[in-house]
Amino acid sequence: MKSGPLLFTTPTTIMASPETLYCYHCGRHHPREEMRQIETKGGKKWRCIKSIEATKKSSVLRDAFGKTVTADNRSGNQTRIKARLEAERLTVR
């Protein structure tokens, strides 16, 4: 079985491809030029420049950034859930 890039998108993400990397912090795929590799306790991980810059700001702005990411993730999850439920509804008939 051949594996390829991920075949899904959400309104706030870019489809995974060889030119994109997954940001472990915000949970999205970004173009490679917007990413930096960060050393963590668990090893090296990719993180987007936007999330790195956000950590240098005040806690109020960091909280606002986190809430934005959470809202985007929640919206994407709801969209996927609705699509799955609709697909299941159509296959039951």
N, C-alpha and C. Protein backbone atom coordinates (compact mmCIF):
# COMPACT_ATOMS: atom_id res chain seq x y z
N MET A 1 0.84 -1.18 0.00
CA MET A 1 0.00 0.00 0.00
C MET A 1 0.88 1.24 0.00
N LYS A 2 0.63 2.13 -0.92
CA LYS A 2 1.41 3.34 -1.06
C LYS A 2 0.87 4.42 -0.14
N SER A 3 1.74 5.10 0.59
CA SER A 3 1.24 6.21 1.41
C SER A 3 1.69 7.51 0.78
N GLY A 4 0.82 8.49 0.84
CA GLY A 4 1.11 9.79 0.27
C GLY A 4 0.79 10.88 1.26
N PRO A 5 0.71 12.11 0.80
CA PRO A 5 0.40 13.20 1.71
C PRO A 5 -1.03 13.08 2.23
N LEU A 6 -1.28 13.73 3.34
CA LEU A 6 -2.62 13.73 3.91
C LEU A 6 -3.60 14.33 2.92
N LEU A 7 -4.81 13.84 2.90
CA LEU A 7 -5.79 14.29 1.91
C LEU A 7 -6.96 15.01 2.56
N PHE A 8 -6.68 15.86 3.54
CA PHE A 8 -7.76 16.61 4.16
C PHE A 8 -7.31 18.04 4.40
N THR A 9 -8.26 18.91 4.50
CA THR A 9 -7.97 20.29 4.86
C THR A 9 -9.06 20.78 5.79
N THR A 10 -8.76 21.81 6.50
CA THR A 10 -9.77 22.53 7.26
C THR A 10 -9.67 23.97 6.82
N PRO A 11 -10.62 24.81 7.17
CA PRO A 11 -10.57 26.20 6.72
C PRO A 11 -9.30 26.93 7.15
N THR A 12 -8.62 26.46 8.19
CA THR A 12 -7.47 27.19 8.71
C THR A 12 -6.15 26.49 8.47
N THR A 13 -6.14 25.41 7.71
CA THR A 13 -4.89 24.70 7.48
C THR A 13 -4.60 24.59 6.00
N ILE A 14 -3.36 24.32 5.71
CA ILE A 14 -2.92 24.06 4.34
C ILE A 14 -2.81 22.54 4.22
N MET A 15 -3.19 22.00 3.07
CA MET A 15 -3.10 20.55 2.89
C MET A 15 -1.64 20.14 3.02
N ALA A 16 -1.40 19.06 3.73
CA ALA A 16 -0.04 18.56 3.92
C ALA A 16 0.56 18.17 2.58
N SER A 17 1.80 18.53 2.41
CA SER A 17 2.52 18.18 1.20
C SER A 17 4.01 18.20 1.54
N PRO A 18 4.84 17.79 0.61
CA PRO A 18 6.28 17.82 0.89
C PRO A 18 6.80 19.23 1.20
N GLU A 19 6.10 20.27 0.77
CA GLU A 19 6.54 21.64 0.98
C GLU A 19 6.05 22.20 2.31
N THR A 20 5.23 21.45 3.05
CA THR A 20 4.71 21.93 4.33
C THR A 20 5.19 21.05 5.47
N LEU A 21 5.18 21.64 6.66
CA LEU A 21 5.57 20.91 7.87
C LEU A 21 4.49 21.13 8.92
N TYR A 22 4.37 20.17 9.82
CA TYR A 22 3.37 20.23 10.88
C TYR A 22 3.96 20.96 12.08
N CYS A 23 3.24 21.98 12.57
CA CYS A 23 3.64 22.71 13.78
C CYS A 23 3.03 22.00 14.98
N TYR A 24 3.88 21.47 15.86
CA TYR A 24 3.38 20.76 17.03
C TYR A 24 2.69 21.70 18.00
N HIS A 25 2.97 23.00 17.92
CA HIS A 25 2.40 23.96 18.86
C HIS A 25 0.97 24.34 18.49
N CYS A 26 0.76 24.74 17.25
CA CYS A 26 -0.59 25.19 16.86
C CYS A 26 -1.38 24.11 16.13
N GLY A 27 -0.75 23.00 15.77
CA GLY A 27 -1.47 21.89 15.16
C GLY A 27 -1.85 22.09 13.71
N ARG A 28 -1.11 22.91 13.00
CA ARG A 28 -1.40 23.18 11.59
C ARG A 28 -0.19 22.87 10.73
N HIS A 29 -0.43 22.75 9.44
CA HIS A 29 0.64 22.63 8.47
C HIS A 29 0.94 24.01 7.93
N HIS A 30 2.22 24.34 7.82
CA HIS A 30 2.67 25.64 7.31
C HIS A 30 3.73 25.40 6.24
N PRO A 31 3.89 26.37 5.32
CA PRO A 31 5.00 26.26 4.37
C PRO A 31 6.33 26.16 5.12
N ARG A 32 7.26 25.41 4.57
CA ARG A 32 8.55 25.15 5.22
C ARG A 32 9.26 26.43 5.62
N GLU A 33 9.15 27.49 4.80
CA GLU A 33 9.87 28.73 5.11
C GLU A 33 9.30 29.47 6.32
N GLU A 34 8.11 29.08 6.78
CA GLU A 34 7.50 29.69 7.97
C GLU A 34 7.77 28.87 9.23
N MET A 35 8.64 27.87 9.14
CA MET A 35 8.88 26.94 10.25
C MET A 35 10.33 27.00 10.73
N ARG A 36 10.52 26.67 12.00
CA ARG A 36 11.85 26.53 12.60
C ARG A 36 11.86 25.24 13.42
N GLN A 37 13.01 24.58 13.45
CA GLN A 37 13.12 23.36 14.23
C GLN A 37 13.56 23.74 15.65
N ILE A 38 12.82 23.25 16.64
CA ILE A 38 13.04 23.58 18.05
C ILE A 38 13.47 22.32 18.79
N GLU A 39 14.45 22.47 19.67
CA GLU A 39 14.89 21.35 20.51
C GLU A 39 13.99 21.29 21.73
N THR A 40 13.36 20.14 21.98
CA THR A 40 12.51 19.93 23.15
C THR A 40 13.05 18.74 23.94
N LYS A 41 12.45 18.49 25.10
CA LYS A 41 12.86 17.33 25.90
C LYS A 41 12.68 16.04 25.11
N GLY A 42 11.66 16.02 24.25
CA GLY A 42 11.36 14.82 23.47
C GLY A 42 12.12 14.73 22.16
N GLY A 43 12.98 15.69 21.88
CA GLY A 43 13.73 15.71 20.62
C GLY A 43 13.42 16.96 19.82
N LYS A 44 13.84 16.97 18.59
CA LYS A 44 13.61 18.14 17.73
C LYS A 44 12.21 18.09 17.14
N LYS A 45 11.54 19.24 17.16
CA LYS A 45 10.20 19.35 16.59
C LYS A 45 10.12 20.63 15.78
N TRP A 46 9.17 20.66 14.84
CA TRP A 46 8.96 21.85 14.03
C TRP A 46 7.91 22.73 14.67
N ARG A 47 8.17 24.04 14.64
CA ARG A 47 7.25 25.02 15.19
C ARG A 47 7.21 26.24 14.28
N CYS A 48 6.02 26.82 14.08
CA CYS A 48 5.90 27.96 13.18
C CYS A 48 6.46 29.22 13.83
N ILE A 49 6.97 30.11 12.99
CA ILE A 49 7.54 31.37 13.46
C ILE A 49 6.50 32.18 14.22
N LYS A 50 5.26 32.15 13.76
CA LYS A 50 4.19 32.91 14.41
C LYS A 50 4.03 32.49 15.88
N SER A 51 4.06 31.19 16.15
CA SER A 51 3.91 30.73 17.53
C SER A 51 5.15 31.04 18.36
N ILE A 52 6.33 31.01 17.73
CA ILE A 52 7.57 31.35 18.45
C ILE A 52 7.54 32.82 18.84
N GLU A 53 7.15 33.68 17.91
CA GLU A 53 7.08 35.12 18.19
C GLU A 53 6.02 35.42 19.25
N ALA A 54 4.94 34.66 19.24
CA ALA A 54 3.86 34.88 20.21
C ALA A 54 4.34 34.64 21.64
N THR A 55 5.30 33.73 21.83
CA THR A 55 5.80 33.45 23.19
C THR A 55 6.62 34.60 23.74
N LYS A 56 7.08 35.50 22.90
CA LYS A 56 7.90 36.63 23.34
C LYS A 56 7.05 37.83 23.77
N LYS A 57 5.74 37.72 23.60
CA LYS A 57 4.84 38.82 23.92
C LYS A 57 4.29 38.68 25.33
N SER A 58 3.51 39.65 25.74
CA SER A 58 2.94 39.64 27.10
C SER A 58 1.97 38.47 27.27
N SER A 59 1.69 38.14 28.52
CA SER A 59 0.79 37.01 28.78
C SER A 59 -0.61 37.28 28.24
N VAL A 60 -1.04 38.52 28.23
CA VAL A 60 -2.37 38.85 27.69
C VAL A 60 -2.42 38.53 26.19
N LEU A 61 -1.37 38.92 25.47
CA LEU A 61 -1.33 38.64 24.04
C LEU A 61 -1.14 37.15 23.77
N ARG A 62 -0.35 36.46 24.62
CA ARG A 62 -0.19 35.01 24.45
C ARG A 62 -1.51 34.30 24.67
N ASP A 63 -2.26 34.74 25.69
CA ASP A 63 -3.57 34.13 25.94
C ASP A 63 -4.51 34.35 24.75
N ALA A 64 -4.47 35.55 24.17
CA ALA A 64 -5.31 35.85 23.01
C ALA A 64 -4.92 34.95 21.83
N PHE A 65 -3.63 34.77 21.61
CA PHE A 65 -3.16 33.89 20.55
C PHE A 65 -3.64 32.46 20.79
N GLY A 66 -3.51 31.98 22.02
CA GLY A 66 -3.96 30.63 22.36
C GLY A 66 -5.45 30.45 22.16
N LYS A 67 -6.22 31.46 22.52
CA LYS A 67 -7.67 31.38 22.33
C LYS A 67 -8.03 31.33 20.85
N THR A 68 -7.27 32.08 20.04
CA THR A 68 -7.51 32.06 18.59
C THR A 68 -7.23 30.67 18.03
N VAL A 69 -6.10 30.07 18.43
CA VAL A 69 -5.76 28.73 17.95
C VAL A 69 -6.82 27.73 18.41
N THR A 70 -7.25 27.84 19.67
CA THR A 70 -8.27 26.93 20.20
C THR A 70 -9.57 27.06 19.41
N ALA A 71 -9.98 28.30 19.13
CA ALA A 71 -11.22 28.51 18.38
C ALA A 71 -11.10 27.93 16.97
N ASP A 72 -9.95 28.12 16.33
CA ASP A 72 -9.74 27.56 14.99
C ASP A 72 -9.79 26.04 15.03
N ASN A 73 -9.14 25.44 16.02
CA ASN A 73 -9.14 23.98 16.15
C ASN A 73 -10.55 23.46 16.41
N ARG A 74 -11.27 24.13 17.28
CA ARG A 74 -12.64 23.72 17.61
C ARG A 74 -13.52 23.79 16.36
N SER A 75 -13.39 24.86 15.60
CA SER A 75 -14.18 25.02 14.37
C SER A 75 -13.86 23.91 13.37
N GLY A 76 -12.57 23.63 13.20
CA GLY A 76 -12.17 22.57 12.27
C GLY A 76 -12.68 21.21 12.71
N ASN A 77 -12.63 20.95 14.01
CA ASN A 77 -13.13 19.68 14.53
C ASN A 77 -14.63 19.56 14.31
N GLN A 78 -15.37 20.63 14.56
CA GLN A 78 -16.82 20.59 14.35
C GLN A 78 -17.16 20.34 12.89
N THR A 79 -16.39 20.95 11.99
CA THR A 79 -16.62 20.74 10.56
C THR A 79 -16.39 19.29 10.19
N ARG A 80 -15.31 18.69 10.70
CA ARG A 80 -15.03 17.28 10.41
C ARG A 80 -16.10 16.36 11.00
N ILE A 81 -16.56 16.66 12.20
CA ILE A 81 -17.60 15.85 12.84
C ILE A 81 -18.89 15.90 12.03
N LYS A 82 -19.28 17.12 11.62
CA LYS A 82 -20.50 17.26 10.81
C LYS A 82 -20.38 16.50 9.50
N ALA A 83 -19.24 16.57 8.85
CA ALA A 83 -19.05 15.86 7.58
C ALA A 83 -19.11 14.34 7.79
N ARG A 84 -18.51 13.87 8.88
CA ARG A 84 -18.55 12.42 9.16
C ARG A 84 -19.97 11.97 9.47
N LEU A 85 -20.70 12.74 10.27
CA LEU A 85 -22.08 12.38 10.60
C LEU A 85 -22.96 12.39 9.35
N GLU A 86 -22.74 13.36 8.49
CA GLU A 86 -23.51 13.42 7.24
C GLU A 86 -23.20 12.21 6.36
N ALA A 87 -21.92 11.84 6.28
CA ALA A 87 -21.54 10.67 5.49
C ALA A 87 -22.17 9.39 6.07
N GLU A 88 -22.17 9.27 7.39
CA GLU A 88 -22.77 8.11 8.02
C GLU A 88 -24.28 8.08 7.79
N ARG A 89 -24.90 9.24 7.84
CA ARG A 89 -26.35 9.34 7.60
C ARG A 89 -26.69 8.88 6.19
N LEU A 90 -25.86 9.27 5.22
CA LEU A 90 -26.12 8.92 3.83
C LEU A 90 -25.88 7.43 3.56
N THR A 91 -24.97 6.80 4.30
CA THR A 91 -24.69 5.38 4.06
C THR A 91 -25.70 4.46 4.73
N VAL A 92 -26.44 4.97 5.72
CA VAL A 92 -27.43 4.16 6.43
C VAL A 92 -28.63 3.89 5.54
N ARG A 93 -28.94 4.78 4.67
CA ARG A 93 -30.13 4.64 3.81
C ARG A 93 -30.04 3.55 2.84
